[in-house]
Amino acid sequence: MADFGYKIDFAEDTEDPGRVFRAMLELIEFSKVTDNTLIKYLDVEIESNLVLENIEQGSFIVWFKNI
């Protein structure tokens, strides 16, 4: 079961379709940085590995889990 997900709504016929994918990339990178920052400041001995669990068909929703 996924821990969290992101959904990006976008306008059809956009002139810059890559913007949607760049936005998702930035959200993924933000999640990794946030995990590592929390681990550092909570002073715990764990490692965070973000794994793509699912991409829903017909949408731009991705689900992730930490393992």
N, C-alpha and C. Protein backbone atom coordinates (compact mmCIF):
# COMPACT_ATOMS: atom_id res chain seq x y z
N MET A 1 0.84 -1.18 0.00
CA MET A 1 0.00 0.00 0.00
C MET A 1 0.88 1.24 0.00
N ALA A 2 0.57 2.19 -0.82
CA ALA A 2 1.37 3.41 -0.95
C ALA A 2 1.26 4.25 0.31
N ASP A 3 2.35 4.96 0.62
CA ASP A 3 2.38 5.87 1.76
C ASP A 3 1.80 7.24 1.41
N PHE A 4 2.02 7.68 0.20
CA PHE A 4 1.52 8.98 -0.23
C PHE A 4 1.55 9.06 -1.74
N GLY A 5 0.88 10.07 -2.29
CA GLY A 5 0.85 10.25 -3.73
C GLY A 5 0.74 11.71 -4.10
N TYR A 6 0.99 11.99 -5.35
CA TYR A 6 0.84 13.33 -5.91
C TYR A 6 -0.06 13.26 -7.13
N LYS A 7 -0.92 14.24 -7.25
CA LYS A 7 -1.76 14.37 -8.43
C LYS A 7 -1.54 15.77 -8.99
N ILE A 8 -1.27 15.85 -10.27
CA ILE A 8 -1.08 17.14 -10.93
C ILE A 8 -2.20 17.34 -11.92
N ASP A 9 -2.97 18.40 -11.73
CA ASP A 9 -3.98 18.79 -12.71
C ASP A 9 -3.30 19.70 -13.72
N PHE A 10 -3.65 19.54 -14.97
CA PHE A 10 -3.02 20.35 -16.00
C PHE A 10 -4.03 20.70 -17.08
N ALA A 11 -3.78 21.79 -17.73
CA ALA A 11 -4.66 22.25 -18.81
C ALA A 11 -4.32 21.48 -20.09
N GLU A 12 -5.34 20.99 -20.74
CA GLU A 12 -5.12 20.32 -22.02
C GLU A 12 -4.64 21.33 -23.05
N ASP A 13 -3.96 20.84 -24.03
CA ASP A 13 -3.44 21.66 -25.13
C ASP A 13 -2.45 22.72 -24.66
N THR A 14 -1.73 22.44 -23.59
CA THR A 14 -0.73 23.37 -23.10
C THR A 14 0.42 23.48 -24.10
N GLU A 15 1.02 24.65 -24.18
CA GLU A 15 2.11 24.86 -25.12
C GLU A 15 3.42 24.23 -24.62
N ASP A 16 3.50 23.93 -23.32
CA ASP A 16 4.72 23.35 -22.75
C ASP A 16 4.36 22.10 -21.97
N PRO A 17 4.09 20.98 -22.65
CA PRO A 17 3.67 19.78 -21.95
C PRO A 17 4.73 19.23 -21.00
N GLY A 18 5.99 19.52 -21.25
CA GLY A 18 7.06 19.05 -20.37
C GLY A 18 6.98 19.66 -18.98
N ARG A 19 6.28 20.77 -18.85
CA ARG A 19 6.14 21.44 -17.55
C ARG A 19 5.49 20.51 -16.52
N VAL A 20 4.53 19.70 -16.96
CA VAL A 20 3.85 18.77 -16.06
C VAL A 20 4.85 17.76 -15.49
N PHE A 21 5.72 17.23 -16.33
CA PHE A 21 6.69 16.24 -15.89
C PHE A 21 7.79 16.87 -15.04
N ARG A 22 8.18 18.10 -15.37
CA ARG A 22 9.17 18.79 -14.54
C ARG A 22 8.60 19.06 -13.15
N ALA A 23 7.32 19.41 -13.09
CA ALA A 23 6.69 19.65 -11.79
C ALA A 23 6.68 18.37 -10.96
N MET A 24 6.39 17.23 -11.58
CA MET A 24 6.40 15.96 -10.85
C MET A 24 7.81 15.63 -10.38
N LEU A 25 8.80 15.87 -11.21
CA LEU A 25 10.18 15.63 -10.82
C LEU A 25 10.54 16.48 -9.59
N GLU A 26 10.14 17.73 -9.59
CA GLU A 26 10.44 18.60 -8.45
C GLU A 26 9.74 18.11 -7.18
N LEU A 27 8.53 17.60 -7.28
CA LEU A 27 7.83 17.05 -6.12
C LEU A 27 8.55 15.81 -5.58
N ILE A 28 9.03 14.97 -6.48
CA ILE A 28 9.75 13.77 -6.07
C ILE A 28 11.05 14.15 -5.36
N GLU A 29 11.80 15.08 -5.94
CA GLU A 29 13.05 15.52 -5.33
C GLU A 29 12.79 16.17 -3.97
N PHE A 30 11.72 16.96 -3.86
CA PHE A 30 11.35 17.58 -2.60
C PHE A 30 11.07 16.52 -1.54
N SER A 31 10.39 15.45 -1.92
CA SER A 31 10.07 14.37 -0.99
C SER A 31 11.34 13.71 -0.46
N LYS A 32 12.29 13.48 -1.33
CA LYS A 32 13.55 12.85 -0.91
C LYS A 32 14.32 13.76 0.04
N VAL A 33 14.38 15.04 -0.27
CA VAL A 33 15.08 16.00 0.59
C VAL A 33 14.39 16.09 1.95
N THR A 34 13.07 16.14 1.93
CA THR A 34 12.31 16.21 3.18
C THR A 34 12.57 14.99 4.05
N ASP A 35 12.52 13.80 3.46
CA ASP A 35 12.81 12.58 4.22
C ASP A 35 14.18 12.64 4.87
N ASN A 36 15.19 13.00 4.09
CA ASN A 36 16.55 13.03 4.61
C ASN A 36 16.73 14.09 5.69
N THR A 37 16.07 15.23 5.54
CA THR A 37 16.14 16.28 6.56
C THR A 37 15.49 15.82 7.86
N LEU A 38 14.33 15.21 7.76
CA LEU A 38 13.65 14.72 8.96
C LEU A 38 14.48 13.65 9.66
N ILE A 39 15.06 12.74 8.91
CA ILE A 39 15.90 11.70 9.51
C ILE A 39 17.08 12.32 10.23
N LYS A 40 17.70 13.32 9.63
CA LYS A 40 18.86 13.99 10.23
C LYS A 40 18.48 14.66 11.54
N TYR A 41 17.39 15.42 11.55
CA TYR A 41 17.03 16.19 12.74
C TYR A 41 16.33 15.36 13.81
N LEU A 42 15.77 14.23 13.45
CA LEU A 42 15.18 13.35 14.45
C LEU A 42 16.24 12.44 15.06
N ASP A 43 17.44 12.46 14.46
CA ASP A 43 18.58 11.70 14.97
C ASP A 43 18.22 10.22 15.16
N VAL A 44 17.72 9.63 14.08
CA VAL A 44 17.37 8.21 14.10
C VAL A 44 18.23 7.47 13.08
N GLU A 45 18.40 6.20 13.31
CA GLU A 45 19.22 5.36 12.45
C GLU A 45 18.34 4.61 11.46
N ILE A 46 17.80 5.30 10.48
CA ILE A 46 17.01 4.67 9.44
C ILE A 46 17.46 5.22 8.09
N GLU A 47 17.12 4.51 7.06
CA GLU A 47 17.41 4.96 5.71
C GLU A 47 16.11 5.02 4.93
N SER A 48 15.90 6.08 4.21
CA SER A 48 14.68 6.25 3.43
C SER A 48 14.97 5.92 1.96
N ASN A 49 14.16 5.05 1.41
CA ASN A 49 14.26 4.72 -0.01
C ASN A 49 12.88 4.91 -0.63
N LEU A 50 12.75 5.92 -1.44
CA LEU A 50 11.48 6.22 -2.09
C LEU A 50 11.33 5.33 -3.32
N VAL A 51 10.21 4.62 -3.40
CA VAL A 51 9.98 3.66 -4.48
C VAL A 51 8.68 4.01 -5.19
N LEU A 52 8.72 4.05 -6.50
CA LEU A 52 7.51 4.25 -7.29
C LEU A 52 6.68 2.98 -7.21
N GLU A 53 5.48 3.09 -6.67
CA GLU A 53 4.64 1.91 -6.53
C GLU A 53 3.64 1.77 -7.66
N ASN A 54 3.10 2.89 -8.16
CA ASN A 54 2.06 2.78 -9.17
C ASN A 54 1.90 4.12 -9.88
N ILE A 55 1.53 4.05 -11.13
CA ILE A 55 1.07 5.23 -11.88
C ILE A 55 -0.31 4.86 -12.40
N GLU A 56 -1.30 5.64 -12.06
CA GLU A 56 -2.66 5.32 -12.45
C GLU A 56 -2.91 5.64 -13.92
N GLN A 57 -3.51 4.72 -14.61
CA GLN A 57 -3.80 4.88 -16.03
C GLN A 57 -4.82 6.00 -16.24
N GLY A 58 -4.60 6.80 -17.25
CA GLY A 58 -5.55 7.84 -17.63
C GLY A 58 -5.47 9.08 -16.75
N SER A 59 -4.40 9.19 -15.98
CA SER A 59 -4.25 10.36 -15.12
C SER A 59 -2.77 10.62 -14.93
N PHE A 60 -2.48 11.65 -14.20
CA PHE A 60 -1.11 11.88 -13.80
C PHE A 60 -1.08 11.89 -12.28
N ILE A 61 -1.30 10.69 -11.73
CA ILE A 61 -1.24 10.47 -10.30
C ILE A 61 -0.19 9.39 -10.09
N VAL A 62 0.75 9.64 -9.24
CA VAL A 62 1.75 8.63 -8.91
C VAL A 62 1.69 8.34 -7.42
N TRP A 63 1.94 7.10 -7.06
CA TRP A 63 1.91 6.68 -5.67
C TRP A 63 3.29 6.17 -5.28
N PHE A 64 3.74 6.53 -4.06
CA PHE A 64 5.05 6.15 -3.57
C PHE A 64 4.94 5.48 -2.21
N LYS A 65 5.96 4.71 -1.89
CA LYS A 65 6.08 4.18 -0.55
C LYS A 65 7.54 4.26 -0.14
N ASN A 66 7.77 4.39 1.17
CA ASN A 66 9.11 4.35 1.71
C ASN A 66 9.38 2.94 2.18
N ILE A 67 10.56 2.44 1.83
CA ILE A 67 10.92 1.10 2.29
C ILE A 67 12.21 1.16 3.07
